[in-house]
Amino acid sequence: MNVKEEIRAQIVGALAGAKFPIKTPEGLLAAFPAGAATRCKAGDVEMTAGEAGTLLKPEDFPFTSPGQVADTILSRAGM
């Protein structure tokens, strides 16, 4: 598994119990197990949910699945 796949799997896993759709940035951060402090790490890439949230735009919402959240964050991060 490469770094992108590992980070994606961690984001999806962290949001596995979340209730979708998620309509706001605040709702998304609240859906992560440790809120904005939830951390994903693979290889030399590390980010918190709070840092990842800064990559999102209002028009990204609502999110309908963990995979959609992960794919949007990774795309915006240039991964």
C-alpha atoms as a PDB file:
ATOM      1  CA  MET A   1       0.000   0.000   0.000  1.00  0.00           C
ATOM      2  CA  ASN A   2       1.444   3.387  -0.936  1.00  0.00           C
ATOM      3  CA  VAL A   3       1.256   6.537   1.196  1.00  0.00           C
ATOM      4  CA  LYS A   4      -1.865   7.858  -0.549  1.00  0.00           C
ATOM      5  CA  GLU A   5      -3.700   4.545  -0.123  1.00  0.00           C
ATOM      6  CA  GLU A   6      -2.663   4.330   3.531  1.00  0.00           C
ATOM      7  CA  ILE A   7      -3.820   7.874   4.345  1.00  0.00           C
ATOM      8  CA  ARG A   8      -7.095   7.229   2.473  1.00  0.00           C
ATOM      9  CA  ALA A   9      -7.656   4.024   4.456  1.00  0.00           C
ATOM     10  CA  GLN A  10      -6.998   5.870   7.734  1.00  0.00           C
ATOM     11  CA  ILE A  11      -9.458   8.660   6.881  1.00  0.00           C
ATOM     12  CA  VAL A  12     -12.128   6.161   5.794  1.00  0.00           C
ATOM     13  CA  GLY A  13     -11.528   4.107   8.933  1.00  0.00           C
ATOM     14  CA  ALA A  14     -11.738   7.147  11.193  1.00  0.00           C
ATOM     15  CA  LEU A  15     -15.102   8.083   9.668  1.00  0.00           C
ATOM     16  CA  ALA A  16     -16.496   4.547   9.558  1.00  0.00           C
ATOM     17  CA  GLY A  17     -18.947   5.214  12.394  1.00  0.00           C
ATOM     18  CA  ALA A  18     -19.960   8.695  11.277  1.00  0.00           C
ATOM     19  CA  LYS A  19     -23.507   9.538  10.258  1.00  0.00           C
ATOM     20  CA  PHE A  20     -23.756  10.803   6.675  1.00  0.00           C
ATOM     21  CA  PRO A  21     -24.546  13.116   4.992  1.00  0.00           C
ATOM     22  CA  ILE A  22     -22.236  15.587   6.722  1.00  0.00           C
ATOM     23  CA  LYS A  23     -23.303  19.089   5.789  1.00  0.00           C
ATOM     24  CA  THR A  24     -20.775  21.414   7.475  1.00  0.00           C
ATOM     25  CA  PRO A  25     -17.046  21.658   8.243  1.00  0.00           C
ATOM     26  CA  GLU A  26     -17.906  21.630  11.952  1.00  0.00           C
ATOM     27  CA  GLY A  27     -19.944  18.469  11.501  1.00  0.00           C
ATOM     28  CA  LEU A  28     -17.073  16.822   9.674  1.00  0.00           C
ATOM     29  CA  LEU A  29     -14.539  17.629  12.395  1.00  0.00           C
ATOM     30  CA  ALA A  30     -16.975  16.378  15.028  1.00  0.00           C
ATOM     31  CA  ALA A  31     -17.298  13.076  13.129  1.00  0.00           C
ATOM     32  CA  PHE A  32     -13.605  12.233  13.602  1.00  0.00           C
ATOM     33  CA  PRO A  33     -12.842  10.193  16.769  1.00  0.00           C
ATOM     34  CA  ALA A  34     -10.565  12.866  18.288  1.00  0.00           C
ATOM     35  CA  GLY A  35     -12.119  15.795  16.437  1.00  0.00           C
ATOM     36  CA  ALA A  36      -9.645  18.175  14.797  1.00  0.00           C
ATOM     37  CA  ALA A  37      -6.759  16.418  16.595  1.00  0.00           C
ATOM     38  CA  THR A  38      -7.396  13.080  14.816  1.00  0.00           C
ATOM     39  CA  ARG A  39      -4.087  12.231  13.134  1.00  0.00           C
ATOM     40  CA  CYS A  40      -3.290  10.269   9.977  1.00  0.00           C
ATOM     41  CA  LYS A  41       0.290   9.219   9.252  1.00  0.00           C
ATOM     42  CA  ALA A  42       1.944   7.197   6.498  1.00  0.00           C
ATOM     43  CA  GLY A  43       5.579   7.333   5.502  1.00  0.00           C
ATOM     44  CA  ASP A  44       6.736  10.934   5.959  1.00  0.00           C
ATOM     45  CA  VAL A  45       3.220  12.360   5.485  1.00  0.00           C
ATOM     46  CA  GLU A  46       1.309  13.333   8.594  1.00  0.00           C
ATOM     47  CA  MET A  47      -1.809  15.474   8.972  1.00  0.00           C
ATOM     48  CA  THR A  48      -4.540  16.151  11.464  1.00  0.00           C
ATOM     49  CA  ALA A  49      -8.216  16.367  10.630  1.00  0.00           C
ATOM     50  CA  GLY A  50      -8.017  20.079  11.446  1.00  0.00           C
ATOM     51  CA  GLU A  51      -5.213  20.591   8.936  1.00  0.00           C
ATOM     52  CA  ALA A  52      -7.035  18.534   6.318  1.00  0.00           C
ATOM     53  CA  GLY A  53     -10.177  20.580   6.924  1.00  0.00           C
ATOM     54  CA  THR A  54      -8.413  23.730   5.770  1.00  0.00           C
ATOM     55  CA  LEU A  55      -8.189  22.178   2.293  1.00  0.00           C
ATOM     56  CA  LEU A  56     -11.965  21.920   1.950  1.00  0.00           C
ATOM     57  CA  LYS A  57     -14.301  24.488   0.403  1.00  0.00           C
ATOM     58  CA  PRO A  58     -17.941  25.239   1.260  1.00  0.00           C
ATOM     59  CA  GLU A  59     -19.055  23.791  -2.077  1.00  0.00           C
ATOM     60  CA  ASP A  60     -17.542  20.399  -1.131  1.00  0.00           C
ATOM     61  CA  PHE A  61     -20.425  19.851   1.279  1.00  0.00           C
ATOM     62  CA  PRO A  62     -22.477  17.813   1.871  1.00  0.00           C
ATOM     63  CA  PHE A  63     -20.306  14.702   2.007  1.00  0.00           C
ATOM     64  CA  THR A  64     -22.183  11.448   1.568  1.00  0.00           C
ATOM     65  CA  SER A  65     -19.500   8.876   2.465  1.00  0.00           C
ATOM     66  CA  PRO A  66     -16.117   8.441   4.157  1.00  0.00           C
ATOM     67  CA  GLY A  67     -14.562   7.680   0.765  1.00  0.00           C
ATOM     68  CA  GLN A  68     -15.784  10.972  -0.669  1.00  0.00           C
ATOM     69  CA  VAL A  69     -14.211  12.861   2.244  1.00  0.00           C
ATOM     70  CA  ALA A  70     -10.907  11.013   1.825  1.00  0.00           C
ATOM     71  CA  ASP A  71     -10.785  11.459  -1.943  1.00  0.00           C
ATOM     72  CA  THR A  72     -11.525  15.196  -1.695  1.00  0.00           C
ATOM     73  CA  ILE A  73      -8.859  15.791   0.958  1.00  0.00           C
ATOM     74  CA  LEU A  74      -6.243  13.777  -0.911  1.00  0.00           C
ATOM     75  CA  SER A  75      -7.016  15.528  -4.179  1.00  0.00           C
ATOM     76  CA  ARG A  76      -6.715  18.966  -2.574  1.00  0.00           C
ATOM     77  CA  ALA A  77      -3.465  17.908  -0.891  1.00  0.00           C
ATOM     78  CA  GLY A  78      -2.050  17.040  -4.311  1.00  0.00           C
ATOM     79  CA  MET A  79      -1.807  13.335  -3.597  1.00  0.00           C
END
